[in-house]
C-alpha cells in the first residue's frame, strides 16, 4: 500500500479478530520500521513494551476500563518515553558521525536538556507520538488495523509493566485484523478552517 493510501485509509479500530495471530516476521517488520521514527538529537527516547503475556494483557484490560481491543488485538504496544535518554551515554547516538560533529552535538544535547524537566518530558512525548503514527501507518501498509489509546489508568499500568522511575507512559497502540470491514467516513474539517497562513488574525 502506498503511503498516501495508508494515511487516508487508516482508522481507529476497536473490534479485532481475537483468533488472528501475526507472524513473527510481520511483528519484526513493524517494530523495525518504528525505529526509523525521528527524534530530536537522534536520542531515540522511545521505549516500546510489546505485551504478549495473556495474563498481563488481562490485567492491563482491567486497568483500561475493560476495552476489548487490549486483549483481542494481535499486538499490544505500550509506547513509553525515557525522559533521561538524553544523558545516557549520548555519544552512542552519534558514534558513526565525524569527530567535529560529535564534538558539537554532544555538548548541545547537554545544554538543551539539563535542568529542564518539562522540556525533557515534552520532547520525549513528541517522539512517542511520531513513533505511534509510524507504527499505525506501517501496520496499515501491511494490511493491519490499529487503535491508539490513552483510555487507561496510567499509574496502574505503570505498576503492571514495572515502569522505571525515569520513564513515562505515552499511549498504547493495538494492532490486528479488524472484525468489521465496514467503515464510516472520517469527517474532516475543511482546509480553510485548519490551515493558517503566516499568523493568526
N, C-alpha and C. Protein backbone atom coordinates (compact mmCIF):
# COMPACT_ATOMS: atom_id res chain seq x y z
N UNK A 1 0.85 -1.19 0.00
CA UNK A 1 0.00 0.00 0.00
C UNK A 1 0.88 1.24 0.00
N UNK A 2 0.55 2.22 -0.84
CA UNK A 2 1.31 3.45 -0.88
C UNK A 2 1.05 4.28 0.37
N UNK A 3 2.00 5.16 0.66
CA UNK A 3 1.90 5.95 1.89
C UNK A 3 0.61 6.77 1.91
N UNK A 4 0.26 7.42 0.80
CA UNK A 4 -0.93 8.27 0.82
C UNK A 4 -2.19 7.43 1.06
N UNK A 5 -2.24 6.22 0.50
CA UNK A 5 -3.40 5.34 0.73
C UNK A 5 -3.46 4.90 2.19
N UNK A 6 -2.32 4.60 2.79
CA UNK A 6 -2.29 4.20 4.20
C UNK A 6 -2.78 5.33 5.09
N UNK A 7 -2.38 6.56 4.78
CA UNK A 7 -2.81 7.72 5.57
C UNK A 7 -4.32 7.90 5.47
N UNK A 8 -4.84 7.83 4.25
CA UNK A 8 -6.26 8.08 4.03
C UNK A 8 -7.13 6.97 4.61
N UNK A 9 -6.67 5.72 4.51
CA UNK A 9 -7.50 4.59 4.90
C UNK A 9 -7.33 4.15 6.35
N UNK A 10 -6.37 4.71 7.05
CA UNK A 10 -6.19 4.33 8.45
C UNK A 10 -7.39 4.77 9.27
N UNK A 11 -7.85 3.89 10.16
CA UNK A 11 -8.94 4.19 11.07
C UNK A 11 -8.57 3.68 12.46
N UNK A 12 -9.16 4.26 13.48
CA UNK A 12 -9.03 3.71 14.83
C UNK A 12 -10.04 2.58 14.96
N UNK A 13 -9.53 1.36 15.04
CA UNK A 13 -10.37 0.16 15.07
C UNK A 13 -10.41 -0.39 16.49
N UNK A 14 -11.60 -0.71 16.96
CA UNK A 14 -11.75 -1.22 18.31
C UNK A 14 -12.22 -2.67 18.37
N UNK A 15 -12.59 -3.22 17.22
CA UNK A 15 -13.07 -4.60 17.18
C UNK A 15 -12.12 -5.44 16.33
N UNK A 16 -11.27 -6.20 17.01
CA UNK A 16 -10.28 -7.02 16.33
C UNK A 16 -10.66 -8.49 16.36
N UNK A 17 -10.16 -9.23 15.38
CA UNK A 17 -10.34 -10.68 15.34
C UNK A 17 -9.40 -11.30 16.38
N UNK A 18 -9.94 -11.82 17.48
CA UNK A 18 -9.07 -12.34 18.54
C UNK A 18 -8.36 -13.64 18.17
N UNK A 19 -8.77 -14.26 17.06
CA UNK A 19 -8.14 -15.53 16.66
C UNK A 19 -6.96 -15.31 15.73
N UNK A 20 -6.80 -14.09 15.24
CA UNK A 20 -5.72 -13.86 14.28
C UNK A 20 -4.38 -13.75 15.00
N UNK A 21 -3.40 -14.45 14.49
CA UNK A 21 -2.04 -14.42 15.03
C UNK A 21 -1.11 -13.84 13.98
N UNK A 22 -0.41 -12.81 14.33
CA UNK A 22 0.55 -12.22 13.41
C UNK A 22 1.81 -13.07 13.36
N UNK A 23 2.36 -13.22 12.16
CA UNK A 23 3.62 -13.94 12.00
C UNK A 23 4.74 -13.13 12.65
N UNK A 24 5.76 -13.83 13.14
CA UNK A 24 6.86 -13.13 13.82
C UNK A 24 7.57 -12.17 12.88
N UNK A 25 7.67 -12.53 11.60
CA UNK A 25 8.35 -11.62 10.66
C UNK A 25 7.54 -10.35 10.45
N UNK A 26 6.21 -10.42 10.58
CA UNK A 26 5.38 -9.23 10.48
C UNK A 26 5.58 -8.32 11.69
N UNK A 27 5.62 -8.94 12.86
CA UNK A 27 5.87 -8.17 14.08
C UNK A 27 7.24 -7.50 14.01
N UNK A 28 8.24 -8.27 13.58
CA UNK A 28 9.60 -7.73 13.49
C UNK A 28 9.66 -6.57 12.51
N UNK A 29 8.94 -6.68 11.41
CA UNK A 29 8.96 -5.60 10.41
C UNK A 29 8.35 -4.32 10.97
N UNK A 30 7.21 -4.44 11.63
CA UNK A 30 6.56 -3.26 12.22
C UNK A 30 7.47 -2.60 13.24
N UNK A 31 8.06 -3.42 14.12
CA UNK A 31 8.94 -2.86 15.15
C UNK A 31 10.18 -2.21 14.53
N UNK A 32 10.72 -2.83 13.49
CA UNK A 32 11.90 -2.27 12.83
C UNK A 32 11.58 -0.94 12.16
N UNK A 33 10.40 -0.84 11.55
CA UNK A 33 10.02 0.41 10.90
C UNK A 33 9.84 1.53 11.92
N UNK A 34 9.35 1.19 13.11
CA UNK A 34 9.18 2.21 14.15
C UNK A 34 10.51 2.87 14.51
N UNK A 35 11.59 2.09 14.40
CA UNK A 35 12.91 2.61 14.77
C UNK A 35 13.39 3.72 13.83
N UNK A 36 12.71 3.88 12.71
CA UNK A 36 13.07 4.94 11.77
C UNK A 36 12.34 6.25 12.07
N UNK A 37 11.54 6.26 13.13
CA UNK A 37 10.85 7.49 13.53
C UNK A 37 11.89 8.51 14.01
N UNK A 38 11.70 9.78 13.64
CA UNK A 38 12.70 10.78 14.04
C UNK A 38 12.58 11.17 15.51
N UNK A 39 13.70 11.54 16.08
CA UNK A 39 13.74 12.08 17.44
C UNK A 39 14.73 13.24 17.46
N UNK A 40 14.51 14.19 18.34
CA UNK A 40 15.44 15.32 18.47
C UNK A 40 16.82 14.81 18.88
N UNK A 41 17.84 15.32 18.24
CA UNK A 41 19.23 14.94 18.52
C UNK A 41 19.48 13.45 18.32
N UNK A 42 18.56 12.75 17.67
CA UNK A 42 18.67 11.31 17.45
C UNK A 42 18.80 10.53 18.76
N UNK A 43 18.19 11.03 19.84
CA UNK A 43 18.37 10.35 21.13
C UNK A 43 17.44 9.15 21.31
N UNK A 44 16.53 8.94 20.37
CA UNK A 44 15.72 7.71 20.34
C UNK A 44 15.12 7.42 21.73
N UNK A 45 14.40 8.42 22.23
CA UNK A 45 13.93 8.37 23.62
C UNK A 45 12.61 7.64 23.79
N UNK A 46 12.23 6.83 22.81
CA UNK A 46 11.08 5.98 22.99
C UNK A 46 11.51 4.58 23.42
N UNK A 47 10.62 3.92 24.16
CA UNK A 47 10.80 2.51 24.52
C UNK A 47 9.47 1.83 24.27
N UNK A 48 9.49 0.67 23.64
CA UNK A 48 8.28 0.00 23.20
C UNK A 48 8.08 -1.29 23.98
N UNK A 49 7.06 -1.34 24.82
CA UNK A 49 6.75 -2.55 25.58
C UNK A 49 5.74 -3.36 24.77
N UNK A 50 6.18 -4.48 24.23
CA UNK A 50 5.31 -5.36 23.45
C UNK A 50 4.73 -6.39 24.42
N UNK A 51 3.44 -6.26 24.69
CA UNK A 51 2.82 -7.10 25.73
C UNK A 51 2.27 -8.37 25.08
N UNK A 52 2.89 -9.50 25.41
CA UNK A 52 2.49 -10.78 24.82
C UNK A 52 1.82 -11.70 25.83
N UNK A 53 2.18 -11.61 27.09
CA UNK A 53 1.64 -12.49 28.11
C UNK A 53 0.14 -12.25 28.29
N UNK A 54 -0.69 -13.30 28.09
CA UNK A 54 -2.15 -13.12 28.20
C UNK A 54 -2.59 -12.62 29.57
N UNK A 55 -1.92 -13.05 30.63
CA UNK A 55 -2.30 -12.62 31.97
C UNK A 55 -2.02 -11.13 32.16
N UNK A 56 -0.88 -10.68 31.65
CA UNK A 56 -0.56 -9.25 31.76
C UNK A 56 -1.53 -8.44 30.91
N UNK A 57 -1.86 -8.95 29.74
CA UNK A 57 -2.85 -8.26 28.90
C UNK A 57 -4.18 -8.13 29.64
N UNK A 58 -4.58 -9.16 30.33
CA UNK A 58 -5.85 -9.13 31.06
C UNK A 58 -5.80 -8.10 32.19
N UNK A 59 -4.67 -8.03 32.87
CA UNK A 59 -4.52 -7.01 33.91
C UNK A 59 -4.62 -5.60 33.32
N UNK A 60 -3.97 -5.43 32.18
CA UNK A 60 -3.99 -4.12 31.52
C UNK A 60 -5.40 -3.79 31.04
N UNK A 61 -6.12 -4.80 30.58
CA UNK A 61 -7.51 -4.58 30.15
C UNK A 61 -8.35 -4.06 31.31
N UNK A 62 -8.18 -4.66 32.48
CA UNK A 62 -8.95 -4.20 33.64
C UNK A 62 -8.59 -2.76 34.00
N UNK A 63 -7.34 -2.38 33.77
CA UNK A 63 -6.91 -1.00 34.04
C UNK A 63 -7.29 -0.06 32.91
N UNK A 64 -7.90 -0.61 31.85
CA UNK A 64 -8.30 0.18 30.68
C UNK A 64 -9.81 0.15 30.51
N UNK A 65 -10.51 0.07 31.62
CA UNK A 65 -11.97 0.08 31.63
C UNK A 65 -12.55 -1.00 30.72
N UNK A 66 -11.86 -2.16 30.75
CA UNK A 66 -12.31 -3.37 30.03
C UNK A 66 -12.49 -3.15 28.53
N UNK A 67 -11.69 -2.32 27.94
CA UNK A 67 -11.75 -2.15 26.49
C UNK A 67 -11.22 -3.42 25.80
N UNK A 68 -12.04 -3.98 24.93
CA UNK A 68 -11.77 -5.31 24.37
C UNK A 68 -10.51 -5.37 23.53
N UNK A 69 -10.17 -4.26 22.87
CA UNK A 69 -9.03 -4.30 21.96
C UNK A 69 -7.71 -4.61 22.67
N UNK A 70 -7.64 -4.39 23.98
CA UNK A 70 -6.41 -4.66 24.72
C UNK A 70 -6.05 -6.14 24.65
N UNK A 71 -7.05 -7.00 24.74
CA UNK A 71 -6.78 -8.44 24.70
C UNK A 71 -7.08 -9.06 23.34
N UNK A 72 -7.94 -8.45 22.54
CA UNK A 72 -8.34 -9.06 21.28
C UNK A 72 -7.40 -8.73 20.13
N UNK A 73 -6.68 -7.63 20.21
CA UNK A 73 -5.74 -7.28 19.14
C UNK A 73 -4.59 -8.29 19.10
N UNK A 74 -4.04 -8.49 17.93
CA UNK A 74 -2.93 -9.43 17.79
C UNK A 74 -1.68 -8.92 18.50
N UNK A 75 -1.57 -7.60 18.60
CA UNK A 75 -0.35 -7.00 19.13
C UNK A 75 -0.74 -5.79 19.98
N UNK A 76 -0.16 -5.69 21.17
CA UNK A 76 -0.38 -4.52 22.02
C UNK A 76 0.98 -3.93 22.37
N UNK A 77 1.17 -2.67 22.00
CA UNK A 77 2.43 -1.99 22.27
C UNK A 77 2.16 -0.80 23.18
N UNK A 78 2.91 -0.73 24.26
CA UNK A 78 2.85 0.43 25.15
C UNK A 78 4.04 1.31 24.81
N UNK A 79 3.78 2.51 24.32
CA UNK A 79 4.84 3.43 23.96
C UNK A 79 5.21 4.24 25.20
N UNK A 80 6.45 4.08 25.61
CA UNK A 80 6.95 4.75 26.81
C UNK A 80 8.06 5.72 26.43
N UNK A 81 8.19 6.77 27.23
CA UNK A 81 9.21 7.78 27.00
C UNK A 81 10.29 7.65 28.05
N UNK A 82 11.52 7.49 27.60
CA UNK A 82 12.66 7.52 28.51
C UNK A 82 13.05 8.99 28.67
N UNK A 83 12.66 9.57 29.77
CA UNK A 83 12.83 11.00 29.98
C UNK A 83 14.30 11.40 30.14
N UNK A 84 15.15 10.44 30.43
CA UNK A 84 16.57 10.73 30.66
C UNK A 84 17.46 10.12 29.59
N UNK A 85 16.88 9.75 28.46
CA UNK A 85 17.70 9.18 27.37
C UNK A 85 18.81 10.13 26.94
N UNK A 86 18.54 11.41 27.05
CA UNK A 86 19.49 12.43 26.61
C UNK A 86 20.81 12.38 27.37
N UNK A 87 20.80 11.88 28.61
CA UNK A 87 22.02 11.87 29.41
C UNK A 87 22.63 10.48 29.56
N UNK A 88 22.07 9.49 28.88
CA UNK A 88 22.55 8.12 28.98
C UNK A 88 23.50 7.82 27.83
N UNK A 89 24.77 8.11 28.05
CA UNK A 89 25.81 7.89 27.04
C UNK A 89 25.42 8.50 25.69
N UNK A 90 25.22 9.81 25.64
CA UNK A 90 24.74 10.43 24.40
C UNK A 90 25.67 10.26 23.20
N UNK A 91 26.94 9.97 23.44
CA UNK A 91 27.85 9.77 22.32
C UNK A 91 27.41 8.60 21.43
N UNK A 92 26.72 7.62 22.03
CA UNK A 92 26.32 6.44 21.23
C UNK A 92 25.32 6.79 20.15
N UNK A 93 24.59 7.89 20.31
CA UNK A 93 23.63 8.29 19.29
C UNK A 93 24.33 8.86 18.06
N UNK A 94 25.60 9.19 18.21
CA UNK A 94 26.37 9.84 17.13
C UNK A 94 27.71 9.14 16.92
N UNK A 95 27.79 7.85 17.24
CA UNK A 95 29.07 7.14 17.21
C UNK A 95 29.67 7.05 15.81
N UNK A 96 28.83 7.09 14.77
CA UNK A 96 29.37 6.99 13.41
C UNK A 96 29.54 8.35 12.74
N UNK A 97 29.24 9.43 13.45
CA UNK A 97 29.37 10.77 12.89
C UNK A 97 30.83 11.21 12.92
N UNK A 98 31.23 12.13 12.04
CA UNK A 98 32.59 12.67 12.09
C UNK A 98 32.88 13.31 13.44
N UNK A 99 34.12 13.30 13.83
CA UNK A 99 34.50 13.81 15.15
C UNK A 99 34.07 15.25 15.39
N UNK A 100 34.19 16.16 14.40
CA UNK A 100 33.73 17.54 14.65
C UNK A 100 32.23 17.61 14.96
N UNK A 101 31.45 16.74 14.34
CA UNK A 101 30.01 16.71 14.62
C UNK A 101 29.78 16.23 16.05
N UNK A 102 30.49 15.19 16.44
CA UNK A 102 30.36 14.68 17.81
C UNK A 102 30.72 15.76 18.83
N UNK A 103 31.80 16.48 18.55
CA UNK A 103 32.27 17.50 19.49
C UNK A 103 31.28 18.64 19.63
N UNK A 104 30.46 18.84 18.59
CA UNK A 104 29.44 19.90 18.66
C UNK A 104 28.14 19.40 19.27
N UNK A 105 27.68 18.23 18.84
CA UNK A 105 26.32 17.81 19.15
C UNK A 105 26.17 17.31 20.58
N UNK A 106 27.16 16.60 21.12
CA UNK A 106 27.00 16.04 22.47
C UNK A 106 26.89 17.15 23.51
N UNK A 107 27.74 18.17 23.50
CA UNK A 107 27.53 19.29 24.44
C UNK A 107 26.20 20.01 24.20
N UNK A 108 25.76 20.06 22.94
CA UNK A 108 24.49 20.72 22.64
C UNK A 108 23.32 19.96 23.27
N UNK A 109 23.40 18.64 23.28
CA UNK A 109 22.37 17.83 23.93
C UNK A 109 22.30 18.17 25.42
N UNK A 110 23.46 18.20 26.05
CA UNK A 110 23.51 18.51 27.47
C UNK A 110 22.94 19.90 27.75
N UNK A 111 23.31 20.86 26.94
CA UNK A 111 22.85 22.23 27.15
C UNK A 111 21.35 22.36 26.96
N UNK A 112 20.81 21.62 26.00
CA UNK A 112 19.39 21.74 25.68
C UNK A 112 18.49 21.17 26.77
N UNK A 113 18.92 20.07 27.42
CA UNK A 113 18.04 19.36 28.35
C UNK A 113 18.35 19.55 29.83
N UNK A 114 19.57 19.86 30.18
CA UNK A 114 19.97 19.87 31.59
C UNK A 114 19.10 20.82 32.41
N UNK A 115 18.52 20.27 33.49
CA UNK A 115 17.73 21.06 34.42
C UNK A 115 16.36 21.46 33.93
N UNK A 116 15.96 21.00 32.75
CA UNK A 116 14.68 21.41 32.16
C UNK A 116 13.75 20.19 32.05
N UNK A 117 13.14 19.84 33.18
CA UNK A 117 12.32 18.62 33.23
C UNK A 117 11.15 18.66 32.25
N UNK A 118 10.51 19.82 32.11
CA UNK A 118 9.36 19.91 31.21
C UNK A 118 9.79 19.74 29.76
N UNK A 119 10.92 20.30 29.40
CA UNK A 119 11.45 20.13 28.04
C UNK A 119 11.75 18.66 27.79
N UNK A 120 12.36 18.01 28.76
CA UNK A 120 12.67 16.59 28.61
C UNK A 120 11.39 15.78 28.36
N UNK A 121 10.35 16.07 29.15
CA UNK A 121 9.10 15.32 29.02
C UNK A 121 8.40 15.65 27.70
N UNK A 122 8.31 16.93 27.38
CA UNK A 122 7.63 17.32 26.14
C UNK A 122 8.30 16.68 24.93
N UNK A 123 9.62 16.72 24.90
CA UNK A 123 10.35 16.18 23.75
C UNK A 123 10.15 14.67 23.63
N UNK A 124 10.19 13.98 24.78
CA UNK A 124 10.01 12.53 24.75
C UNK A 124 8.60 12.15 24.32
N UNK A 125 7.60 12.91 24.76
CA UNK A 125 6.23 12.63 24.36
C UNK A 125 6.01 12.89 22.87
N UNK A 126 6.63 13.94 22.37
CA UNK A 126 6.55 14.19 20.91
C UNK A 126 7.15 13.01 20.14
N UNK A 127 8.29 12.54 20.62
CA UNK A 127 8.94 11.41 19.95
C UNK A 127 8.03 10.19 19.93
N UNK A 128 7.38 9.91 21.05
CA UNK A 128 6.48 8.75 21.11
C UNK A 128 5.27 8.93 20.18
N UNK A 129 4.76 10.15 20.10
CA UNK A 129 3.63 10.41 19.21
C UNK A 129 3.99 10.17 17.76
N UNK A 130 5.18 10.62 17.37
CA UNK A 130 5.64 10.39 15.99
C UNK A 130 5.81 8.89 15.75
N UNK A 131 6.39 8.19 16.72
CA UNK A 131 6.58 6.75 16.58
C UNK A 131 5.25 6.01 16.47
N UNK A 132 4.24 6.47 17.21
CA UNK A 132 2.92 5.84 17.14
C UNK A 132 2.33 5.97 15.75
N UNK A 133 2.47 7.15 15.15
CA UNK A 133 1.95 7.32 13.79
C UNK A 133 2.72 6.46 12.80
N UNK A 134 4.04 6.37 12.97
CA UNK A 134 4.83 5.48 12.12
C UNK A 134 4.33 4.06 12.24
N UNK A 135 4.09 3.62 13.47
CA UNK A 135 3.59 2.27 13.73
C UNK A 135 2.25 2.03 13.05
N UNK A 136 1.32 2.97 13.20
CA UNK A 136 -0.02 2.78 12.64
C UNK A 136 0.00 2.76 11.11
N UNK A 137 0.83 3.61 10.51
CA UNK A 137 0.91 3.61 9.05
C UNK A 137 1.63 2.37 8.53
N UNK A 138 2.65 1.92 9.26
CA UNK A 138 3.33 0.68 8.87
C UNK A 138 2.35 -0.49 8.92
N UNK A 139 1.57 -0.55 10.00
CA UNK A 139 0.59 -1.63 10.13
C UNK A 139 -0.42 -1.59 8.99
N UNK A 140 -0.93 -0.39 8.68
CA UNK A 140 -1.92 -0.27 7.62
C UNK A 140 -1.34 -0.69 6.28
N UNK A 141 -0.10 -0.32 6.03
CA UNK A 141 0.53 -0.69 4.76
C UNK A 141 0.70 -2.20 4.62
N UNK A 142 0.68 -2.91 5.75
CA UNK A 142 0.82 -4.37 5.74
C UNK A 142 -0.53 -5.08 5.85
N UNK A 143 -1.63 -4.31 5.78
CA UNK A 143 -2.95 -4.92 5.81
C UNK A 143 -3.54 -5.07 7.20
N UNK A 144 -2.94 -4.41 8.18
CA UNK A 144 -3.45 -4.47 9.55
C UNK A 144 -4.09 -3.15 9.95
N UNK A 145 -4.94 -3.22 10.96
CA UNK A 145 -5.57 -2.02 11.50
C UNK A 145 -5.00 -1.77 12.89
N UNK A 146 -5.33 -0.60 13.43
CA UNK A 146 -4.74 -0.22 14.71
C UNK A 146 -5.68 0.68 15.48
N UNK A 147 -5.36 0.86 16.76
CA UNK A 147 -6.14 1.74 17.61
C UNK A 147 -5.20 2.42 18.61
N UNK A 148 -5.02 3.75 18.48
CA UNK A 148 -4.25 4.46 19.51
C UNK A 148 -5.12 4.63 20.74
N UNK A 149 -4.51 4.49 21.91
CA UNK A 149 -5.29 4.50 23.14
C UNK A 149 -4.61 5.31 24.24
N UNK A 150 -5.40 6.12 24.94
CA UNK A 150 -4.94 6.70 26.19
C UNK A 150 -6.01 6.55 27.28
N UNK A 151 -6.99 5.72 27.03
CA UNK A 151 -8.07 5.49 27.99
C UNK A 151 -7.71 4.37 28.95
N UNK A 152 -6.84 4.68 29.91
CA UNK A 152 -6.44 3.67 30.90
C UNK A 152 -5.87 4.40 32.11
N UNK A 153 -5.74 3.67 33.19
CA UNK A 153 -5.16 4.23 34.41
C UNK A 153 -3.63 4.13 34.28
N UNK A 154 -3.01 5.27 34.05
CA UNK A 154 -1.57 5.31 33.77
C UNK A 154 -0.76 4.73 34.94
N UNK A 155 -1.12 5.07 36.16
CA UNK A 155 -0.35 4.60 37.32
C UNK A 155 -0.45 3.09 37.47
N UNK A 156 -1.65 2.55 37.28
CA UNK A 156 -1.82 1.10 37.41
C UNK A 156 -1.04 0.36 36.34
N UNK A 157 -1.13 0.84 35.11
CA UNK A 157 -0.38 0.19 34.02
C UNK A 157 1.12 0.30 34.26
N UNK A 158 1.56 1.44 34.77
CA UNK A 158 2.99 1.60 35.09
C UNK A 158 3.43 0.54 36.09
N UNK A 159 2.59 0.27 37.10
CA UNK A 159 2.92 -0.77 38.07
C UNK A 159 2.95 -2.15 37.42
N UNK A 160 1.99 -2.41 36.54
CA UNK A 160 1.90 -3.73 35.90
C UNK A 160 3.15 -4.02 35.07
N UNK A 161 3.64 -3.02 34.35
CA UNK A 161 4.79 -3.26 33.46
C UNK A 161 6.12 -2.91 34.13
N UNK A 162 6.07 -2.58 35.42
CA UNK A 162 7.29 -2.26 36.17
C UNK A 162 8.05 -1.11 35.50
N UNK A 163 7.34 -0.04 35.21
CA UNK A 163 7.92 1.10 34.51
C UNK A 163 9.03 1.75 35.34
N UNK A 164 10.21 1.97 34.77
CA UNK A 164 11.28 2.65 35.52
C UNK A 164 10.86 4.06 35.93
N UNK A 165 11.44 4.57 37.00
CA UNK A 165 11.04 5.87 37.53
C UNK A 165 11.33 7.01 36.57
N UNK A 166 12.34 6.87 35.73
CA UNK A 166 12.68 7.95 34.80
C UNK A 166 12.00 7.79 33.44
N UNK A 167 10.94 6.98 33.40
CA UNK A 167 10.14 6.79 32.19
C UNK A 167 8.72 7.29 32.44
N UNK A 168 8.00 7.53 31.35
CA UNK A 168 6.57 7.87 31.42
C UNK A 168 5.85 7.15 30.29
N UNK A 169 4.63 6.73 30.57
CA UNK A 169 3.82 6.11 29.51
C UNK A 169 3.20 7.20 28.66
N UNK A 170 3.30 7.05 27.36
CA UNK A 170 2.67 7.99 26.44
C UNK A 170 1.30 7.48 26.01
N UNK A 171 1.23 6.26 25.49
CA UNK A 171 -0.02 5.73 24.95
C UNK A 171 0.15 4.26 24.64
N UNK A 172 -0.97 3.60 24.29
CA UNK A 172 -0.95 2.26 23.72
C UNK A 172 -1.24 2.38 22.23
N UNK A 173 -0.80 1.37 21.47
CA UNK A 173 -1.33 1.14 20.13
C UNK A 173 -1.63 -0.35 20.02
N UNK A 174 -2.89 -0.68 19.75
CA UNK A 174 -3.30 -2.05 19.49
C UNK A 174 -3.31 -2.28 17.98
N UNK A 175 -2.82 -3.44 17.55
CA UNK A 175 -2.71 -3.75 16.13
C UNK A 175 -3.29 -5.14 15.87
N UNK A 176 -4.05 -5.26 14.80
CA UNK A 176 -4.59 -6.57 14.45
C UNK A 176 -5.47 -6.51 13.22
N UNK A 177 -6.23 -7.59 13.02
CA UNK A 177 -7.17 -7.68 11.91
C UNK A 177 -8.55 -7.23 12.38
N UNK A 178 -9.10 -6.24 11.71
CA UNK A 178 -10.42 -5.75 12.08
C UNK A 178 -11.47 -6.82 11.84
N UNK A 179 -12.42 -6.93 12.77
CA UNK A 179 -13.53 -7.88 12.59
C UNK A 179 -14.56 -7.33 11.62
N UNK A 180 -14.79 -6.04 11.66
CA UNK A 180 -15.82 -5.41 10.83
C UNK A 180 -15.12 -4.55 9.79
N UNK A 181 -15.22 -4.95 8.54
CA UNK A 181 -14.54 -4.23 7.46
C UNK A 181 -15.25 -2.94 7.06
N UNK A 182 -16.52 -2.81 7.47
CA UNK A 182 -17.24 -1.60 7.09
C UNK A 182 -16.73 -0.42 7.91
N UNK A 183 -16.57 0.71 7.26
CA UNK A 183 -16.06 1.90 7.93
C UNK A 183 -16.92 3.10 7.56
N UNK A 184 -17.28 3.86 8.54
CA UNK A 184 -17.94 5.12 8.23
C UNK A 184 -16.86 6.12 7.84
N UNK A 185 -17.16 7.05 6.96
CA UNK A 185 -16.15 8.01 6.54
C UNK A 185 -15.72 8.90 7.71
N UNK A 186 -14.47 9.32 7.67
CA UNK A 186 -13.97 10.24 8.69
C UNK A 186 -14.36 11.66 8.29
N UNK A 187 -15.10 12.33 9.15
CA UNK A 187 -15.49 13.70 8.86
C UNK A 187 -14.31 14.63 9.17
N UNK A 188 -13.85 15.32 8.16
CA UNK A 188 -12.69 16.19 8.31
C UNK A 188 -13.10 17.65 8.12
N UNK A 189 -12.56 18.49 8.96
CA UNK A 189 -12.81 19.92 8.81
C UNK A 189 -12.21 20.42 7.50
N UNK A 190 -12.78 21.45 6.91
CA UNK A 190 -12.23 21.98 5.66
C UNK A 190 -10.84 22.59 5.89
N UNK A 191 -10.01 22.56 4.86
CA UNK A 191 -8.66 23.09 4.95
C UNK A 191 -8.64 24.54 5.43
N UNK A 192 -9.59 25.33 4.91
CA UNK A 192 -9.57 26.75 5.26
C UNK A 192 -9.83 27.01 6.74
N UNK A 193 -10.37 26.01 7.45
CA UNK A 193 -10.59 26.19 8.88
C UNK A 193 -9.36 25.84 9.72
N UNK A 194 -8.53 24.97 9.19
CA UNK A 194 -7.41 24.49 9.99
C UNK A 194 -6.03 24.96 9.52
N UNK A 195 -5.96 25.49 8.32
CA UNK A 195 -4.69 25.99 7.79
C UNK A 195 -4.64 27.50 7.96
N UNK A 196 -3.61 27.96 8.66
CA UNK A 196 -3.42 29.39 8.88
C UNK A 196 -2.17 29.82 8.13
N UNK A 197 -2.26 30.81 7.32
CA UNK A 197 -1.11 31.29 6.56
C UNK A 197 -0.38 32.37 7.35
N UNK A 198 0.84 32.09 7.67
CA UNK A 198 1.78 33.01 8.33
C UNK A 198 1.46 33.30 9.79
N UNK A 199 0.25 33.74 10.11
CA UNK A 199 -0.06 34.08 11.50
C UNK A 199 -1.56 34.12 11.70
N UNK A 200 -1.97 33.91 12.98
CA UNK A 200 -3.39 34.04 13.31
C UNK A 200 -3.80 35.50 13.22
N UNK A 201 -5.08 35.71 12.89
CA UNK A 201 -5.59 37.08 12.82
C UNK A 201 -5.71 37.67 14.22
